[in-house]
PDB file of N, CA and C in Angstrom:
ATOM      1  N   MET A   1       0.872  -1.177  -0.109  1.00  0.00           N
ATOM      2  CA  MET A   1      -0.014   0.059  -0.024  1.00  0.00           C
ATOM      3  C   MET A   1       0.849   1.261  -0.031  1.00  0.00           C
ATOM      4  N   THR A   2       0.680   2.053  -0.919  1.00  0.00           N
ATOM      5  CA  THR A   2       1.412   3.348  -1.049  1.00  0.00           C
ATOM      6  C   THR A   2       0.521   4.484  -0.517  1.00  0.00           C
ATOM      7  N   THR A   3       1.398   5.463   0.043  1.00  0.00           N
ATOM      8  CA  THR A   3       0.476   6.590   0.425  1.00  0.00           C
ATOM      9  C   THR A   3       0.887   7.849  -0.530  1.00  0.00           C
ATOM     10  N   ARG A   4      -0.137   8.784  -0.680  1.00  0.00           N
ATOM     11  CA  ARG A   4       0.162   9.953  -1.463  1.00  0.00           C
ATOM     12  C   ARG A   4       0.201  11.141  -0.684  1.00  0.00           C
ATOM     13  N   ARG A   5       1.132  12.001  -1.010  1.00  0.00           N
ATOM     14  CA  ARG A   5       1.346  13.225  -0.346  1.00  0.00           C
ATOM     15  C   ARG A   5       0.062  14.208  -0.917  1.00  0.00           C
ATOM     16  N   ARG A   6      -0.718  14.666  -0.222  1.00  0.00           N
ATOM     17  CA  ARG A   6      -1.629  15.658  -0.887  1.00  0.00           C
ATOM     18  C   ARG A   6      -1.108  17.086  -0.826  1.00  0.00           C
ATOM     19  N   ARG A   7      -1.257  17.777  -1.987  1.00  0.00           N
ATOM     20  CA  ARG A   7      -0.865  19.155  -2.062  1.00  0.00           C
ATOM     21  C   ARG A   7      -1.774  20.080  -1.250  1.00  0.00           C
ATOM     22  N   ARG A   8      -0.996  21.061  -0.530  1.00  0.00           N
ATOM     23  CA  ARG A   8      -1.860  21.916   0.254  1.00  0.00           C
ATOM     24  C   ARG A   8      -2.445  22.996  -0.775  1.00  0.00           C
ATOM     25  N   ASP A   9      -3.754  23.249  -0.349  1.00  0.00           N
ATOM     26  CA  ASP A   9      -4.540  24.016  -1.177  1.00  0.00           C
ATOM     27  C   ASP A   9      -3.985  25.582  -0.942  1.00  0.00           C
ATOM     28  N   PRO A  10      -3.601  26.236  -1.913  1.00  0.00           N
ATOM     29  CA  PRO A  10      -2.921  27.495  -1.871  1.00  0.00           C
ATOM     30  C   PRO A  10      -3.752  28.625  -1.282  1.00  0.00           C
ATOM     31  N   TYR A  11      -5.025  28.393  -1.099  1.00  0.00           N
ATOM     32  CA  TYR A  11      -5.824  29.434  -0.505  1.00  0.00           C
ATOM     33  C   TYR A  11      -6.218  29.078   0.958  1.00  0.00           C
ATOM     34  N   THR A  12      -5.625  28.073   1.485  1.00  0.00           N
ATOM     35  CA  THR A  12      -5.756  27.864   3.064  1.00  0.00           C
ATOM     36  C   THR A  12      -4.569  28.674   3.715  1.00  0.00           C
ATOM     37  N   ARG A  13      -4.763  28.904   5.064  1.00  0.00           N
ATOM     38  CA  ARG A  13      -3.903  29.507   5.803  1.00  0.00           C
ATOM     39  C   ARG A  13      -2.912  28.491   6.691  1.00  0.00           C
ATOM     40  N   THR A  14      -1.765  28.871   6.820  1.00  0.00           N
ATOM     41  CA  THR A  14      -0.862  28.042   7.563  1.00  0.00           C
ATOM     42  C   THR A  14      -0.768  28.696   8.862  1.00  0.00           C
ATOM     43  N   VAL A  15      -0.702  27.961   9.862  1.00  0.00           N
ATOM     44  CA  VAL A  15      -0.666  28.383  11.308  1.00  0.00           C
ATOM     45  C   VAL A  15       0.711  28.098  11.851  1.00  0.00           C
ATOM     46  N   VAL A  16       1.292  29.223  12.319  1.00  0.00           N
ATOM     47  CA  VAL A  16       2.743  28.949  12.791  1.00  0.00           C
ATOM     48  C   VAL A  16       2.769  29.479  14.228  1.00  0.00           C
ATOM     49  N   ARG A  17       3.382  28.662  15.026  1.00  0.00           N
ATOM     50  CA  ARG A  17       3.567  28.808  16.555  1.00  0.00           C
ATOM     51  C   ARG A  17       4.606  29.869  16.607  1.00  0.00           C
ATOM     52  N   LEU A  18       4.387  30.865  17.189  1.00  0.00           N
ATOM     53  CA  LEU A  18       5.444  31.933  17.444  1.00  0.00           C
ATOM     54  C   LEU A  18       6.115  31.510  18.954  1.00  0.00           C
ATOM     55  N   PRO A  19       7.342  31.723  19.090  1.00  0.00           N
ATOM     56  CA  PRO A  19       8.097  31.419  20.180  1.00  0.00           C
ATOM     57  C   PRO A  19       7.496  32.418  21.276  1.00  0.00           C
ATOM     58  N   GLU A  20       7.461  31.956  22.745  1.00  0.00           N
ATOM     59  CA  GLU A  20       7.253  32.699  23.638  1.00  0.00           C
ATOM     60  C   GLU A  20       8.266  33.766  24.112  1.00  0.00           C
ATOM     61  N   ARG A  21       9.489  33.621  23.768  1.00  0.00           N
ATOM     62  CA  ARG A  21      10.442  34.600  23.934  1.00  0.00           C
ATOM     63  C   ARG A  21      10.983  35.298  22.705  1.00  0.00           C
ATOM     64  N   ASP A  22      11.715  36.465  22.870  1.00  0.00           N
ATOM     65  CA  ASP A  22      12.227  37.060  21.681  1.00  0.00           C
ATOM     66  C   ASP A  22      13.299  36.270  21.086  1.00  0.00           C
ATOM     67  N   LEU A  23      13.382  36.496  19.690  1.00  0.00           N
ATOM     68  CA  LEU A  23      14.504  35.629  19.080  1.00  0.00           C
ATOM     69  C   LEU A  23      15.883  35.798  19.532  1.00  0.00           C
ATOM     70  N   ALA A  24      16.179  37.100  19.896  1.00  0.00           N
ATOM     71  CA  ALA A  24      17.535  37.381  20.370  1.00  0.00           C
ATOM     72  C   ALA A  24      17.731  36.545  21.782  1.00  0.00           C
ATOM     73  N   GLU A  25      16.703  36.540  22.589  1.00  0.00           N
ATOM     74  CA  GLU A  25      16.778  35.782  24.000  1.00  0.00           C
ATOM     75  C   GLU A  25      16.932  34.365  23.615  1.00  0.00           C
ATOM     76  N   SER A  26      16.481  33.788  22.586  1.00  0.00           N
ATOM     77  CA  SER A  26      16.372  32.277  22.278  1.00  0.00           C
ATOM     78  C   SER A  26      17.862  32.109  21.710  1.00  0.00           C
ATOM     79  N   ILE A  27      18.488  33.031  21.038  1.00  0.00           N
ATOM     80  CA  ILE A  27      19.751  32.708  20.485  1.00  0.00           C
ATOM     81  C   ILE A  27      20.684  32.765  21.632  1.00  0.00           C
ATOM     82  N   LEU A  28      20.589  33.709  22.492  1.00  0.00           N
ATOM     83  CA  LEU A  28      21.406  33.736  23.657  1.00  0.00           C
ATOM     84  C   LEU A  28      21.444  32.569  24.573  1.00  0.00           C
ATOM     85  N   TYR A  29      20.162  32.106  24.741  1.00  0.00           N
ATOM     86  CA  TYR A  29      19.787  30.939  25.408  1.00  0.00           C
ATOM     87  C   TYR A  29      20.584  29.679  24.834  1.00  0.00           C
ATOM     88  N   LEU A  30      20.644  29.642  23.575  1.00  0.00           N
ATOM     89  CA  LEU A  30      21.401  28.460  22.933  1.00  0.00           C
ATOM     90  C   LEU A  30      22.766  28.697  23.072  1.00  0.00           C
ATOM     91  N   ALA A  31      23.235  29.806  23.007  1.00  0.00           N
ATOM     92  CA  ALA A  31      24.530  30.207  22.991  1.00  0.00           C
ATOM     93  C   ALA A  31      25.226  29.966  24.555  1.00  0.00           C
ATOM     94  N   GLU A  32      24.484  30.091  25.379  1.00  0.00           N
ATOM     95  CA  GLU A  32      24.881  30.230  26.873  1.00  0.00           C
ATOM     96  C   GLU A  32      25.940  29.213  27.297  1.00  0.00           C
ATOM     97  N   PRO A  33      25.603  27.863  26.979  1.00  0.00           N
ATOM     98  CA  PRO A  33      26.798  26.704  27.202  1.00  0.00           C
ATOM     99  C   PRO A  33      28.131  27.010  26.592  1.00  0.00           C
ATOM    100  N   LEU A  34      27.965  27.793  25.351  1.00  0.00           N
ATOM    101  CA  LEU A  34      29.152  28.007  24.728  1.00  0.00           C
ATOM    102  C   LEU A  34      29.995  29.272  25.356  1.00  0.00           C
ATOM    103  N   LEU A  35      29.207  30.302  25.803  1.00  0.00           N
ATOM    104  CA  LEU A  35      29.702  31.420  26.205  1.00  0.00           C
ATOM    105  C   LEU A  35      30.118  31.341  27.660  1.00  0.00           C
ATOM    106  N   GLU A  36      29.594  30.491  28.463  1.00  0.00           N
ATOM    107  CA  GLU A  36      29.792  30.530  29.927  1.00  0.00           C
ATOM    108  C   GLU A  36      31.295  30.203  30.220  1.00  0.00           C
ATOM    109  N   PRO A  37      31.924  29.155  29.436  1.00  0.00           N
ATOM    110  CA  PRO A  37      33.382  28.810  29.827  1.00  0.00           C
ATOM    111  C   PRO A  37      34.317  29.919  29.489  1.00  0.00           C
ATOM    112  N   LEU A  38      33.854  30.941  28.546  1.00  0.00           N
ATOM    113  CA  LEU A  38      34.602  32.060  28.202  1.00  0.00           C
ATOM    114  C   LEU A  38      34.887  33.030  29.118  1.00  0.00           C
ATOM    115  N   GLY A  39      34.055  33.127  30.119  1.00  0.00           N
ATOM    116  CA  GLY A  39      34.164  34.136  31.416  1.00  0.00           C
ATOM    117  C   GLY A  39      33.285  35.298  31.202  1.00  0.00           C
ATOM    118  N   PRO A  40      33.259  36.177  32.056  1.00  0.00           N
ATOM    119  CA  PRO A  40      32.382  37.249  32.141  1.00  0.00           C
ATOM    120  C   PRO A  40      32.703  38.220  30.875  1.00  0.00           C
ATOM    121  N   THR A  41      33.947  38.353  30.505  1.00  0.00           N
ATOM    122  CA  THR A  41      34.280  39.285  29.503  1.00  0.00           C
ATOM    123  C   THR A  41      35.098  38.455  28.366  1.00  0.00           C
ATOM    124  N   PRO A  42      34.353  37.604  27.617  1.00  0.00           N
ATOM    125  CA  PRO A  42      34.980  36.991  26.434  1.00  0.00           C
ATOM    126  C   PRO A  42      35.616  37.739  25.325  1.00  0.00           C
ATOM    127  N   PRO A  43      36.749  37.227  24.718  1.00  0.00           N
ATOM    128  CA  PRO A  43      37.062  37.897  23.550  1.00  0.00           C
ATOM    129  C   PRO A  43      36.140  38.053  22.530  1.00  0.00           C
ATOM    130  N   LEU A  44      36.064  39.243  21.809  1.00  0.00           N
ATOM    131  CA  LEU A  44      34.927  39.416  20.856  1.00  0.00           C
ATOM    132  C   LEU A  44      34.779  38.415  19.829  1.00  0.00           C
ATOM    133  N   ASP A  45      35.916  37.991  19.320  1.00  0.00           N
ATOM    134  CA  ASP A  45      35.966  36.970  18.264  1.00  0.00           C
ATOM    135  C   ASP A  45      35.396  35.558  18.704  1.00  0.00           C
ATOM    136  N   GLU A  46      35.622  35.348  19.937  1.00  0.00           N
ATOM    137  CA  GLU A  46      35.247  33.930  20.526  1.00  0.00           C
ATOM    138  C   GLU A  46      33.719  34.087  20.724  1.00  0.00           C
ATOM    139  N   ALA A  47      33.343  35.222  21.362  1.00  0.00           N
ATOM    140  CA  ALA A  47      31.806  35.343  21.608  1.00  0.00           C
ATOM    141  C   ALA A  47      31.145  35.322  20.301  1.00  0.00           C
ATOM    142  N   ARG A  48      31.596  36.106  19.238  1.00  0.00           N
ATOM    143  CA  ARG A  48      30.852  36.068  17.968  1.00  0.00           C
ATOM    144  C   ARG A  48      30.917  34.643  17.323  1.00  0.00           C
ATOM    145  N   ARG A  49      31.868  33.833  17.544  1.00  0.00           N
ATOM    146  CA  ARG A  49      31.867  32.478  16.997  1.00  0.00           C
ATOM    147  C   ARG A  49      30.900  31.518  17.744  1.00  0.00           C
ATOM    148  N   ALA A  50      30.732  31.861  19.070  1.00  0.00           N
ATOM    149  CA  ALA A  50      29.824  30.951  19.755  1.00  0.00           C
ATOM    150  C   ALA A  50      28.269  31.357  19.364  1.00  0.00           C
ATOM    151  N   ILE A  51      27.945  32.707  19.202  1.00  0.00           N
ATOM    152  CA  ILE A  51      26.686  33.223  18.825  1.00  0.00           C
ATOM    153  C   ILE A  51      26.337  32.793  17.391  1.00  0.00           C
ATOM    154  N   GLY A  52      27.431  32.840  16.578  1.00  0.00           N
ATOM    155  CA  GLY A  52      27.110  32.411  15.249  1.00  0.00           C
ATOM    156  C   GLY A  52      26.849  30.895  15.203  1.00  0.00           C
ATOM    157  N   LEU A  53      27.613  30.031  15.947  1.00  0.00           N
ATOM    158  CA  LEU A  53      27.046  28.750  16.147  1.00  0.00           C
ATOM    159  C   LEU A  53      25.686  28.421  16.487  1.00  0.00           C
ATOM    160  N   ALA A  54      25.248  29.279  17.527  1.00  0.00           N
ATOM    161  CA  ALA A  54      23.949  29.186  18.155  1.00  0.00           C
ATOM    162  C   ALA A  54      22.982  29.666  16.940  1.00  0.00           C
ATOM    163  N   ILE A  55      23.191  30.506  16.204  1.00  0.00           N
ATOM    164  CA  ILE A  55      22.379  30.986  15.125  1.00  0.00           C
ATOM    165  C   ILE A  55      22.357  29.902  14.113  1.00  0.00           C
ATOM    166  N   ASP A  56      23.281  29.202  13.775  1.00  0.00           N
ATOM    167  CA  ASP A  56      23.336  28.042  12.814  1.00  0.00           C
ATOM    168  C   ASP A  56      22.430  26.993  13.179  1.00  0.00           C
ATOM    169  N   VAL A  57      22.557  26.621  14.547  1.00  0.00           N
ATOM    170  CA  VAL A  57      21.608  25.667  15.292  1.00  0.00           C
ATOM    171  C   VAL A  57      20.201  25.990  15.135  1.00  0.00           C
ATOM    172  N   TRP A  58      19.972  27.141  15.388  1.00  0.00           N
ATOM    173  CA  TRP A  58      18.553  27.769  15.338  1.00  0.00           C
ATOM    174  C   TRP A  58      18.023  27.727  13.838  1.00  0.00           C
ATOM    175  N   ASN A  59      18.812  28.139  13.008  1.00  0.00           N
ATOM    176  CA  ASN A  59      18.484  28.116  11.511  1.00  0.00           C
ATOM    177  C   ASN A  59      18.247  26.589  11.084  1.00  0.00           C
ATOM    178  N   ALA A  60      19.053  25.613  11.623  1.00  0.00           N
ATOM    179  CA  ALA A  60      18.913  24.257  11.175  1.00  0.00           C
ATOM    180  C   ALA A  60      17.629  23.672  11.770  1.00  0.00           C
ATOM    181  N   HIS A  61      17.357  24.070  13.010  1.00  0.00           N
ATOM    182  CA  HIS A  61      16.045  23.671  13.651  1.00  0.00           C
ATOM    183  C   HIS A  61      14.783  24.208  12.859  1.00  0.00           C
ATOM    184  N   VAL A  62      14.794  25.520  12.609  1.00  0.00           N
ATOM    185  CA  VAL A  62      13.753  26.012  11.951  1.00  0.00           C
ATOM    186  C   VAL A  62      13.548  25.436  10.530  1.00  0.00           C
ATOM    187  N   GLY A  63      14.507  25.474   9.850  1.00  0.00           N
ATOM    188  CA  GLY A  63      14.721  24.835   8.351  1.00  0.00           C
ATOM    189  C   GLY A  63      14.231  23.464   8.414  1.00  0.00           C
ATOM    190  N   GLY A  64      14.459  22.746   9.408  1.00  0.00           N
ATOM    191  CA  GLY A  64      13.982  21.301   9.528  1.00  0.00           C
ATOM    192  C   GLY A  64      12.558  21.085   9.802  1.00  0.00           C
ATOM    193  N   SER A  65      11.967  22.200  10.284  1.00  0.00           N
ATOM    194  CA  SER A  65      10.544  22.066  10.755  1.00  0.00           C
ATOM    195  C   SER A  65       9.571  22.222   9.713  1.00  0.00           C
ATOM    196  N   PHE A  66      10.023  22.743   8.536  1.00  0.00           N
ATOM    197  CA  PHE A  66       9.138  22.887   7.358  1.00  0.00           C
ATOM    198  C   PHE A  66       9.152  21.663   6.523  1.00  0.00           C
ATOM    199  N   GLU A  67       7.814  21.449   5.827  1.00  0.00           N
ATOM    200  CA  GLU A  67       7.783  20.589   4.741  1.00  0.00           C
ATOM    201  C   GLU A  67       8.363  21.061   3.545  1.00  0.00           C
ATOM    202  N   PRO A  68       9.041  20.179   2.857  1.00  0.00           N
ATOM    203  CA  PRO A  68       9.700  20.586   1.573  1.00  0.00           C
ATOM    204  C   PRO A  68       8.440  20.821   0.563  1.00  0.00           C
ATOM    205  N   ARG A  69       8.753  21.862  -0.203  1.00  0.00           N
ATOM    206  CA  ARG A  69       7.785  22.229  -1.151  1.00  0.00           C
ATOM    207  C   ARG A  69       7.896  21.316  -2.406  1.00  0.00           C
ATOM    208  N   ALA A  70       6.558  21.042  -2.981  1.00  0.00           N
ATOM    209  CA  ALA A  70       6.552  20.089  -4.154  1.00  0.00           C
ATOM    210  C   ALA A  70       6.879  21.208  -5.378  1.00  0.00           C
ATOM    211  N   GLY A  71       7.669  20.782  -6.150  1.00  0.00           N
ATOM    212  CA  GLY A  71       7.843  21.711  -7.242  1.00  0.00           C
ATOM    213  C   GLY A  71       8.754  21.120  -8.338  1.00  0.00           C
TER     214      GLY A  71
END
C-alpha cells in the first residue's frame, strides 16, 4: 500500500506557532553553554563564534521543521 502526499490548497492558511520569548533571547539561551566557559568578558571573536554557532543551530532547527515544497 502506498501513500500519497496531498498538495496543500494555496488558498488555505498556515498556522505558525510563535516562540514565547524574543528571538535574541532564544539565540543567547542556545549560546549560553558556549559562552559560559569564556568568562564574564570573553574575547569578541570567540563570543561572535559562539553566537554564530547558536544561530546556525537555530536556523537548522527552523529549516528542518518545514515541509519541503513540491515543485
